[in-house]
């Protein structure tokens, strides 16, 4: 590991994103992967609507 830095682990990142997306869907939201858009975050999710 580089001194004072983090090592990127593609598999861990993929698993983490899958878990977040699954959770967001389980809460009735519609998550979207925006990781390629370089926004500073990887997932955006819509608000759950009450009927």
Protein backbone atom coordinates (compact mmCIF):
# COMPACT_ATOMS: atom_id res chain seq x y z
CA UNK A 1 0.00 0.00 0.00
CA UNK A 2 1.35 3.43 -0.88
CA UNK A 3 2.36 5.60 2.04
CA UNK A 4 -0.66 7.59 3.26
CA UNK A 5 -2.86 6.52 0.34
CA UNK A 6 -5.52 4.02 -0.52
CA UNK A 7 -5.33 1.24 -3.06
CA UNK A 8 -8.21 0.97 -5.50
CA UNK A 9 -9.84 -2.45 -5.54
CA UNK A 10 -12.22 -2.82 -8.48
CA UNK A 11 -13.93 -5.93 -7.10
CA UNK A 12 -14.63 -4.36 -3.70
CA UNK A 13 -15.95 -1.20 -5.38
CA UNK A 14 -18.25 -3.26 -7.66
CA UNK A 15 -19.61 -5.29 -4.73
CA UNK A 16 -20.19 -2.13 -2.70
CA UNK A 17 -22.10 -0.49 -5.52
CA UNK A 18 -24.22 -3.62 -6.06
CA UNK A 19 -25.14 -3.65 -2.36
CA UNK A 20 -26.10 0.03 -2.36
CA UNK A 21 -28.18 -0.35 -5.53
CA UNK A 22 -29.96 -3.40 -4.07
CA UNK A 23 -30.68 -1.52 -0.84
CA UNK A 24 -31.99 1.55 -2.67
CA UNK A 25 -34.30 -0.65 -4.77
CA UNK A 26 -35.53 -2.47 -1.65
CA UNK A 27 -36.56 0.94 -0.29
CA UNK A 28 -38.62 1.70 -3.38
CA UNK A 29 -36.13 4.07 -4.97
CA UNK A 30 -34.64 4.01 -8.47
CA UNK A 31 -30.84 4.16 -8.21
CA UNK A 32 -28.65 5.00 -11.20
CA UNK A 33 -24.91 4.41 -11.64
CA UNK A 34 -23.25 7.76 -12.39
CA UNK A 35 -19.68 6.66 -11.61
CA UNK A 36 -18.47 7.41 -15.15
CA UNK A 37 -19.72 11.02 -14.92
CA UNK A 38 -17.02 12.05 -12.39
CA UNK A 39 -19.49 13.81 -10.07
CA UNK A 40 -17.72 12.90 -6.83
CA UNK A 41 -20.18 10.11 -6.06
CA UNK A 42 -21.13 6.89 -7.83
CA UNK A 43 -24.87 6.40 -7.35
CA UNK A 44 -27.81 8.77 -7.54
CA UNK A 45 -31.19 7.61 -6.31
CA UNK A 46 -34.68 9.02 -6.65
CA UNK A 47 -36.90 9.71 -3.66
CA UNK A 48 -39.50 7.17 -2.68
CA UNK A 49 -42.98 8.46 -3.57
CA UNK A 50 -45.99 7.95 -1.30
CA UNK A 51 -49.24 7.05 -3.09
